[in-house]
N, C-alpha and C. Protein backbone atom coordinates (compact mmCIF):
# COMPACT_ATOMS: atom_id res chain seq x y z
N UNK A 1 0.83 -1.17 0.00
CA UNK A 1 0.00 0.00 0.00
C UNK A 1 0.88 1.24 0.00
N UNK A 2 0.54 2.19 -0.83
CA UNK A 2 1.28 3.44 -0.94
C UNK A 2 0.58 4.54 -0.16
N UNK A 3 1.35 5.31 0.58
CA UNK A 3 0.80 6.43 1.34
C UNK A 3 1.39 7.72 0.79
N UNK A 4 0.51 8.65 0.45
CA UNK A 4 0.97 9.94 -0.05
C UNK A 4 1.10 10.93 1.09
N UNK A 5 2.09 11.79 1.00
CA UNK A 5 2.26 12.84 1.98
C UNK A 5 1.09 13.80 1.90
N UNK A 6 0.56 14.19 3.04
CA UNK A 6 -0.59 15.10 3.07
C UNK A 6 -0.15 16.53 3.27
N UNK A 7 0.08 17.24 2.18
CA UNK A 7 0.49 18.64 2.25
C UNK A 7 -0.74 19.52 2.16
N UNK A 8 -0.92 20.38 3.16
CA UNK A 8 -1.98 21.37 3.13
C UNK A 8 -1.32 22.73 2.92
N UNK A 9 -1.58 23.32 1.78
CA UNK A 9 -0.99 24.60 1.41
C UNK A 9 -1.58 25.70 2.28
N UNK A 10 -0.75 26.48 2.94
CA UNK A 10 -1.20 27.55 3.83
C UNK A 10 -1.03 28.88 3.11
N UNK A 11 -2.10 29.33 2.43
CA UNK A 11 -2.01 30.52 1.60
C UNK A 11 -3.40 31.07 1.29
N UNK A 12 -3.42 32.25 0.75
CA UNK A 12 -4.63 32.83 0.19
C UNK A 12 -4.37 33.30 -1.22
N UNK A 13 -3.20 32.95 -1.75
CA UNK A 13 -2.76 33.39 -3.07
C UNK A 13 -3.24 32.41 -4.14
N UNK A 14 -4.08 32.91 -5.05
CA UNK A 14 -4.66 32.03 -6.09
C UNK A 14 -3.60 31.43 -7.00
N UNK A 15 -2.56 32.20 -7.33
CA UNK A 15 -1.51 31.65 -8.21
C UNK A 15 -0.79 30.49 -7.54
N UNK A 16 -0.52 30.60 -6.25
CA UNK A 16 0.12 29.50 -5.53
C UNK A 16 -0.79 28.27 -5.49
N UNK A 17 -2.06 28.50 -5.24
CA UNK A 17 -3.01 27.38 -5.21
C UNK A 17 -3.03 26.69 -6.56
N UNK A 18 -3.14 27.46 -7.63
CA UNK A 18 -3.16 26.87 -8.99
C UNK A 18 -1.89 26.05 -9.24
N UNK A 19 -0.73 26.64 -8.93
CA UNK A 19 0.56 26.00 -9.22
C UNK A 19 0.70 24.67 -8.47
N UNK A 20 0.47 24.68 -7.17
CA UNK A 20 0.68 23.46 -6.39
C UNK A 20 -0.42 22.43 -6.61
N UNK A 21 -1.62 22.89 -6.85
CA UNK A 21 -2.70 21.95 -7.15
C UNK A 21 -2.43 21.24 -8.48
N UNK A 22 -1.92 21.97 -9.46
CA UNK A 22 -1.61 21.38 -10.76
C UNK A 22 -0.53 20.30 -10.64
N UNK A 23 0.34 20.43 -9.68
CA UNK A 23 1.38 19.42 -9.46
C UNK A 23 0.83 18.15 -8.82
N UNK A 24 -0.37 18.24 -8.26
CA UNK A 24 -0.99 17.08 -7.64
C UNK A 24 -0.42 16.72 -6.29
N UNK A 25 0.23 17.68 -5.63
CA UNK A 25 0.91 17.35 -4.37
C UNK A 25 0.18 17.83 -3.12
N UNK A 26 -0.87 18.63 -3.29
CA UNK A 26 -1.55 19.11 -2.09
C UNK A 26 -2.79 18.27 -1.80
N UNK A 27 -3.14 18.20 -0.53
CA UNK A 27 -4.33 17.47 -0.09
C UNK A 27 -5.40 18.42 0.42
N UNK A 28 -5.11 19.73 0.33
CA UNK A 28 -6.06 20.75 0.75
C UNK A 28 -5.35 22.07 0.95
N UNK A 29 -6.13 23.07 1.34
CA UNK A 29 -5.61 24.42 1.57
C UNK A 29 -6.11 24.90 2.93
N UNK A 30 -5.24 25.59 3.66
CA UNK A 30 -5.67 26.27 4.88
C UNK A 30 -5.39 27.76 4.69
N UNK A 31 -6.23 28.57 5.31
CA UNK A 31 -6.02 30.01 5.23
C UNK A 31 -6.70 30.68 6.41
N UNK A 32 -6.47 31.97 6.52
CA UNK A 32 -7.14 32.77 7.54
C UNK A 32 -7.18 34.21 7.06
N UNK A 33 -7.99 35.05 7.68
CA UNK A 33 -8.11 36.43 7.21
C UNK A 33 -6.78 37.19 7.17
N UNK A 34 -5.88 36.95 8.11
CA UNK A 34 -4.59 37.64 8.09
C UNK A 34 -3.80 37.28 6.84
N UNK A 35 -3.74 35.99 6.51
CA UNK A 35 -3.05 35.55 5.30
C UNK A 35 -3.73 36.13 4.06
N UNK A 36 -5.05 36.12 4.04
CA UNK A 36 -5.78 36.61 2.88
C UNK A 36 -5.51 38.09 2.64
N UNK A 37 -5.51 38.89 3.69
CA UNK A 37 -5.22 40.32 3.54
C UNK A 37 -3.77 40.51 3.08
N UNK A 38 -2.84 39.74 3.64
CA UNK A 38 -1.44 39.80 3.21
C UNK A 38 -1.31 39.47 1.73
N UNK A 39 -2.16 38.57 1.26
CA UNK A 39 -2.14 38.16 -0.15
C UNK A 39 -3.00 39.06 -1.04
N UNK A 40 -3.40 40.22 -0.52
CA UNK A 40 -4.04 41.22 -1.36
C UNK A 40 -5.55 41.29 -1.33
N UNK A 41 -6.19 40.50 -0.49
CA UNK A 41 -7.66 40.53 -0.44
C UNK A 41 -8.11 41.80 0.27
N UNK A 42 -9.05 42.50 -0.34
CA UNK A 42 -9.63 43.72 0.23
C UNK A 42 -11.13 43.55 0.32
N UNK A 43 -11.79 44.46 1.02
CA UNK A 43 -13.25 44.43 1.06
C UNK A 43 -13.83 43.71 2.25
N UNK A 44 -13.04 43.50 3.30
CA UNK A 44 -13.56 42.86 4.50
C UNK A 44 -14.06 41.45 4.25
N UNK A 45 -15.13 41.07 4.97
CA UNK A 45 -15.65 39.71 4.87
C UNK A 45 -16.12 39.37 3.46
N UNK A 46 -16.62 40.37 2.72
CA UNK A 46 -17.07 40.08 1.35
C UNK A 46 -15.89 39.67 0.47
N UNK A 47 -14.77 40.36 0.61
CA UNK A 47 -13.57 40.00 -0.15
C UNK A 47 -13.02 38.64 0.27
N UNK A 48 -13.05 38.39 1.56
CA UNK A 48 -12.59 37.10 2.08
C UNK A 48 -13.46 35.97 1.55
N UNK A 49 -14.77 36.18 1.57
CA UNK A 49 -15.69 35.17 1.04
C UNK A 49 -15.42 34.89 -0.43
N UNK A 50 -15.26 35.94 -1.21
CA UNK A 50 -15.00 35.78 -2.65
C UNK A 50 -13.74 34.97 -2.90
N UNK A 51 -12.66 35.29 -2.18
CA UNK A 51 -11.39 34.58 -2.38
C UNK A 51 -11.50 33.13 -1.92
N UNK A 52 -12.15 32.89 -0.79
CA UNK A 52 -12.29 31.52 -0.30
C UNK A 52 -13.13 30.67 -1.25
N UNK A 53 -14.16 31.25 -1.81
CA UNK A 53 -14.97 30.53 -2.80
C UNK A 53 -14.13 30.20 -4.03
N UNK A 54 -13.28 31.14 -4.45
CA UNK A 54 -12.42 30.90 -5.61
C UNK A 54 -11.44 29.76 -5.32
N UNK A 55 -10.83 29.77 -4.16
CA UNK A 55 -9.90 28.70 -3.78
C UNK A 55 -10.63 27.37 -3.71
N UNK A 56 -11.79 27.37 -3.08
CA UNK A 56 -12.57 26.13 -2.95
C UNK A 56 -12.93 25.57 -4.32
N UNK A 57 -13.27 26.45 -5.25
CA UNK A 57 -13.59 26.00 -6.60
C UNK A 57 -12.40 25.42 -7.32
N UNK A 58 -11.22 25.99 -7.09
CA UNK A 58 -10.00 25.50 -7.75
C UNK A 58 -9.60 24.11 -7.28
N UNK A 59 -9.78 23.82 -6.00
CA UNK A 59 -9.25 22.56 -5.46
C UNK A 59 -10.31 21.50 -5.19
N UNK A 60 -11.58 21.83 -5.39
CA UNK A 60 -12.66 20.86 -5.11
C UNK A 60 -12.36 19.54 -5.78
N UNK A 61 -12.58 18.44 -5.10
CA UNK A 61 -13.26 18.26 -3.82
C UNK A 61 -12.33 18.32 -2.60
N UNK A 62 -11.07 18.72 -2.78
CA UNK A 62 -10.17 18.81 -1.64
C UNK A 62 -10.67 19.86 -0.65
N UNK A 63 -10.37 19.70 0.64
CA UNK A 63 -10.88 20.64 1.63
C UNK A 63 -10.11 21.96 1.67
N UNK A 64 -10.83 23.00 2.01
CA UNK A 64 -10.26 24.32 2.29
C UNK A 64 -10.66 24.67 3.71
N UNK A 65 -9.68 24.90 4.57
CA UNK A 65 -9.95 25.24 5.97
C UNK A 65 -9.75 26.73 6.17
N UNK A 66 -10.79 27.39 6.69
CA UNK A 66 -10.76 28.83 6.94
C UNK A 66 -10.86 29.05 8.44
N UNK A 67 -9.87 29.72 8.99
CA UNK A 67 -9.77 29.88 10.44
C UNK A 67 -10.76 30.91 10.99
N UNK A 68 -11.35 30.59 12.12
CA UNK A 68 -12.19 31.55 12.85
C UNK A 68 -11.29 32.67 13.38
N UNK A 69 -11.86 33.86 13.50
CA UNK A 69 -11.06 35.02 13.90
C UNK A 69 -11.31 35.47 15.33
N UNK A 70 -12.01 34.69 16.10
CA UNK A 70 -12.37 35.09 17.46
C UNK A 70 -12.16 33.92 18.41
N UNK A 71 -12.03 34.24 19.68
CA UNK A 71 -11.97 33.20 20.72
C UNK A 71 -13.27 33.09 21.48
N UNK A 72 -14.24 33.93 21.17
CA UNK A 72 -15.53 33.95 21.86
C UNK A 72 -16.43 32.88 21.24
N UNK A 73 -16.89 31.90 22.02
CA UNK A 73 -17.62 30.76 21.46
C UNK A 73 -18.85 31.12 20.62
N UNK A 74 -19.67 32.07 21.06
CA UNK A 74 -20.86 32.42 20.28
C UNK A 74 -20.49 33.05 18.94
N UNK A 75 -19.48 33.92 18.95
CA UNK A 75 -19.01 34.53 17.71
C UNK A 75 -18.38 33.47 16.80
N UNK A 76 -17.63 32.54 17.41
CA UNK A 76 -17.00 31.47 16.64
C UNK A 76 -18.07 30.61 15.97
N UNK A 77 -19.14 30.32 16.68
CA UNK A 77 -20.24 29.54 16.12
C UNK A 77 -20.86 30.27 14.92
N UNK A 78 -21.08 31.57 15.05
CA UNK A 78 -21.66 32.35 13.95
C UNK A 78 -20.72 32.38 12.75
N UNK A 79 -19.42 32.56 13.00
CA UNK A 79 -18.45 32.54 11.91
C UNK A 79 -18.44 31.17 11.24
N UNK A 80 -18.50 30.12 12.03
CA UNK A 80 -18.50 28.76 11.47
C UNK A 80 -19.71 28.56 10.56
N UNK A 81 -20.86 29.01 10.99
CA UNK A 81 -22.06 28.89 10.16
C UNK A 81 -21.90 29.66 8.85
N UNK A 82 -21.39 30.86 8.96
CA UNK A 82 -21.24 31.70 7.77
C UNK A 82 -20.23 31.10 6.79
N UNK A 83 -19.03 30.82 7.29
CA UNK A 83 -17.94 30.35 6.44
C UNK A 83 -18.25 28.99 5.82
N UNK A 84 -18.83 28.09 6.58
CA UNK A 84 -19.10 26.74 6.05
C UNK A 84 -20.12 26.76 4.93
N UNK A 85 -20.91 27.80 4.85
CA UNK A 85 -21.91 27.91 3.80
C UNK A 85 -21.37 28.41 2.47
N UNK A 86 -20.13 28.81 2.43
CA UNK A 86 -19.56 29.35 1.19
C UNK A 86 -19.34 28.30 0.12
N UNK A 87 -18.98 27.08 0.51
CA UNK A 87 -18.75 26.00 -0.47
C UNK A 87 -18.79 24.67 0.26
N UNK A 88 -19.13 23.62 -0.47
CA UNK A 88 -19.24 22.27 0.11
C UNK A 88 -17.94 21.78 0.73
N UNK A 89 -16.81 22.20 0.17
CA UNK A 89 -15.52 21.69 0.64
C UNK A 89 -14.81 22.63 1.62
N UNK A 90 -15.54 23.61 2.16
CA UNK A 90 -14.93 24.49 3.15
C UNK A 90 -15.18 23.96 4.56
N UNK A 91 -14.08 23.84 5.30
CA UNK A 91 -14.10 23.47 6.72
C UNK A 91 -13.79 24.73 7.52
N UNK A 92 -14.17 24.73 8.77
CA UNK A 92 -13.84 25.83 9.66
C UNK A 92 -12.71 25.38 10.57
N UNK A 93 -11.65 26.17 10.62
CA UNK A 93 -10.49 25.83 11.44
C UNK A 93 -10.64 26.49 12.81
N UNK A 94 -10.69 25.65 13.85
CA UNK A 94 -10.89 26.12 15.22
C UNK A 94 -9.82 25.49 16.11
N UNK A 95 -9.15 26.31 16.92
CA UNK A 95 -8.16 25.74 17.83
C UNK A 95 -8.83 24.99 18.97
N UNK A 96 -8.22 23.90 19.39
CA UNK A 96 -8.76 23.12 20.50
C UNK A 96 -8.66 23.92 21.80
N UNK A 97 -7.63 24.75 21.90
CA UNK A 97 -7.39 25.52 23.11
C UNK A 97 -8.12 26.85 23.05
N UNK A 98 -8.84 27.15 24.11
CA UNK A 98 -9.53 28.43 24.22
C UNK A 98 -8.61 29.48 24.81
N UNK A 99 -9.16 30.65 25.12
CA UNK A 99 -8.34 31.75 25.63
C UNK A 99 -7.67 31.46 26.97
N UNK A 100 -8.22 30.52 27.73
CA UNK A 100 -7.63 30.17 29.03
C UNK A 100 -6.59 29.06 28.91
N UNK A 101 -6.37 28.55 27.70
CA UNK A 101 -5.34 27.54 27.49
C UNK A 101 -5.82 26.11 27.60
N UNK A 102 -6.98 25.88 28.18
CA UNK A 102 -7.51 24.53 28.30
C UNK A 102 -8.18 24.10 27.00
N UNK A 103 -8.83 22.97 27.05
CA UNK A 103 -9.52 22.45 25.86
C UNK A 103 -10.93 23.03 25.80
N UNK A 104 -11.01 24.34 25.97
CA UNK A 104 -12.28 25.05 26.05
C UNK A 104 -13.18 24.86 24.84
N UNK A 105 -12.61 24.68 23.67
CA UNK A 105 -13.40 24.66 22.45
C UNK A 105 -13.93 23.28 22.06
N UNK A 106 -13.61 22.25 22.83
CA UNK A 106 -14.07 20.90 22.48
C UNK A 106 -15.58 20.79 22.41
N UNK A 107 -16.28 21.39 23.33
CA UNK A 107 -17.74 21.33 23.32
C UNK A 107 -18.29 22.00 22.06
N UNK A 108 -17.80 23.18 21.74
CA UNK A 108 -18.24 23.89 20.54
C UNK A 108 -17.94 23.06 19.29
N UNK A 109 -16.76 22.50 19.21
CA UNK A 109 -16.37 21.69 18.05
C UNK A 109 -17.33 20.51 17.91
N UNK A 110 -17.60 19.84 19.00
CA UNK A 110 -18.52 18.70 18.98
C UNK A 110 -19.92 19.13 18.53
N UNK A 111 -20.41 20.23 19.05
CA UNK A 111 -21.74 20.71 18.67
C UNK A 111 -21.81 21.11 17.20
N UNK A 112 -20.78 21.78 16.71
CA UNK A 112 -20.77 22.17 15.30
C UNK A 112 -20.84 20.94 14.40
N UNK A 113 -20.07 19.92 14.75
CA UNK A 113 -20.03 18.71 13.92
C UNK A 113 -21.29 17.87 14.05
N UNK A 114 -21.80 17.69 15.25
CA UNK A 114 -22.91 16.75 15.44
C UNK A 114 -24.28 17.38 15.35
N UNK A 115 -24.41 18.65 15.71
CA UNK A 115 -25.71 19.29 15.71
C UNK A 115 -25.94 20.18 14.49
N UNK A 116 -24.85 20.68 13.90
CA UNK A 116 -25.01 21.62 12.79
C UNK A 116 -24.40 21.10 11.50
N UNK A 117 -23.80 19.92 11.54
CA UNK A 117 -23.20 19.29 10.36
C UNK A 117 -22.17 20.19 9.68
N UNK A 118 -21.38 20.88 10.50
CA UNK A 118 -20.31 21.73 10.01
C UNK A 118 -19.00 20.99 10.19
N UNK A 119 -18.23 20.89 9.11
CA UNK A 119 -16.93 20.22 9.17
C UNK A 119 -15.91 21.15 9.83
N UNK A 120 -15.17 20.59 10.79
CA UNK A 120 -14.21 21.38 11.55
C UNK A 120 -12.82 20.77 11.42
N UNK A 121 -11.84 21.62 11.17
CA UNK A 121 -10.44 21.25 11.20
C UNK A 121 -9.92 21.74 12.55
N UNK A 122 -9.62 20.82 13.44
CA UNK A 122 -9.21 21.18 14.79
C UNK A 122 -7.69 21.29 14.85
N UNK A 123 -7.21 22.43 15.33
CA UNK A 123 -5.77 22.62 15.48
C UNK A 123 -5.42 22.63 16.97
N UNK A 124 -4.21 22.15 17.26
CA UNK A 124 -3.79 22.10 18.67
C UNK A 124 -2.42 22.72 18.83
């Protein structure tokens, strides 16, 4: 059995996504608003949504993980709902550790996955 390396490209740059996806070496893309703005995205959430949809379309059916921008659980839940609706292959990236350093976000992650059918990429 052959196992391929799972490279997740961490970018918001469409040219990079096209180049590495064409090589067949990536297994998905991760990004966040800071990276997207650094890569030239303007227009606030509308610009971020447009770029994430473009990336998702380029790599589908591979996953695209978009990081939540808050540590507040209710705001994180709202962002997860919003972002996950942009494309079928978009996951929401949520850290397992909350602002207090514990595994504060485990309950939210579980609820998003089991009660709201939102795919979550959990980082630790």
